Amino acid sequence: HSVQGGNLMSTQGTFHGLAAVGTVCHSRASPEARSQSPANSGPLKFKQPPENCTMSVFYDPIHGLLELHPLLVKIIDTPQFQRLRNIKQLGGAYFVFPGASHNRFEHSLGVAYLAGQFAEALSTKQPELNITPEDILCVQIAGLCQDLGQGPFSIVFEEMFIREKRADLPDGKKKISVQMFDYLLTANNLHSSMKEYGLNVDGQNKSDLVFIKEMIGGPLNTTETQEQFMGRTQDKYFLYEIVENEKNGIDVDKFDYIARDGYYLGIQSSFDHRRCLMFARVCRVDGINHICFRDKEVSNLYSMFQTRSLLHRTAYQHKTTRIIEVMIKDALLKAGECIQIEGSKGKICSLSTAIDDMEAYTKLTEAINSFSKEMGEAQRLLLKIVSREIYKCLACLHFLTVAISMHIFNCLRHFTMDYGITEKELIENVFFYKKNQHDKPFNLREDEVSMLLPKCSSEQFIRVYYKNIDEEIVETAQEHFDQWLSEASEVKHKQIKIVNIVRADF
């Protein structure tokens, strides 16, 4: 089935003047309206935008009124960015949690907003850092575009389908996000707009363009044995820690998805990301400027990691959520070459090769589900999801260590429940400062960390699924599984430490 650009675009609702359920819209706002924005009503006070820069205001249920730079709006109003409206934030969780209908579009706006808030807060608090308006704009663009590479059903496409079909892409989403960002700028002639706002994006000096790409996808210089960023000097290394912090996971991407996912899932959290912005400052650690947090923010940061773990246990790794995501992955695999997407120069791409052609990838959203008359088996599998004829979970095995071979099963999921940070990472990679000692950053002691994280902060689970839904056959399959598990445990009893086995209830 060939997906034509015109058909796809008609489903996307690309015009910002139209407010769809679960999305945000924007309009021009007066200075009076801006003054009532949540960003300006709290204790954080930021610089006013330049007179020649008319900001746009979006209404968002999580952060209230968001002021965004006109260059960000130009990026938003492109087909490449608008496709994110048709990609659910939580993939299969929407089939379990009816409120989880939000998408990557609104999450990206939230990340861009928080990235700007974070950079401006540091600039206001520490003018000696010499954070320029161009720095802030670059950080906002990176926050806005860090999810451009997301595929249909989010994690299903990235971690299941692409991992199985394209093992040559170990860090697929980030790489695709950078490629899509490049394509977005070229296809919409936005390089000139970026230059109008003072960004260095072409010629011999591409420092701002490089900086944005590095924040989205990591260092571009992959030949170095050590990470080396080229877009900014070492004095401004801390800017790389705002959007997606690879060192400790404390970043605005996590701030937004914890608040947004929790809101739509109905999961409350005591974590307050505004306190993190308020009590963050830049300190020099081993000759490099890092973002550090006030010592009294330890408990707030713990709440962030605890909430992340709660979201995983409750929703992201929910048994039925994961079953449905496995079924969606199977449907995508069965679709095979049936779904053909027209890319650049008339090239026809399949689902797995569309990631190599950004024109084709722009057309690849969850709307493929509605174009699927010729998908045969895949279409029937998707129909089973909506009619709740889903795979059965034979058992969930809870391990302290995973040391058994599960290769005889063709439908299982191995996953980890953790806090998103290990005790070692929390000790080594998170820095704090005391009220009157800004120039003396320090790490938590091991005994302080042990009071925050549980003794076992990371657990391993394996779920075994059976694809036949007939109850009698499922019961027989479970008996065979129990027999296999008993024999495997006897052979490897010294290596297998099964904490618990949860049986499925049919």
Foldseek 3Di string as FASTA:
>chain_A
DEDDPVVLVVPLPLDLVDDDPQAKHKDFDDPVVVCPFPLNPDPQHFDDDDPVWGWMWIADPQRGIFTDTVLLVLLSNFLLLSLQQQAFPQQLLCLVQVLRRHTPNRLLQQLLRQLLLLLRLQCVVCVVLVCDPLLSNLSSVLSNQLQSQAFHSGCLVVVPQLVVVPVVCPPRRLVLSLVSVVVSCVVSVCVVVSVVVPAQCDDPDRLSNQVSSCLNRNAPPPVDPDGDRDSDDQSVPQSSCARAHPQFRPYSSLVRCLSVVCVSRVNDFPADVVQQSNFWYWEADPNGTHIAGAPVCPVNVLSSLVSVLVCCVPGSVPPLSVQVSVLLSVLLVLLPQVYWYQAPPRDTDHPNCLSVGSRRRSSGYNCVLVVPPPSPPSVVSVVCSVVVLTWFWFKKWKFPDDDFDPVVAPDKDKDKRASSGDLVSQQPPHWHAYDPGRHDIHGDDSVVSCVSAPPRRMIMMMIGIDGDSPPVVSVVVSVVVVVVVVVRCVVPVVRTDTPDMDGTDD
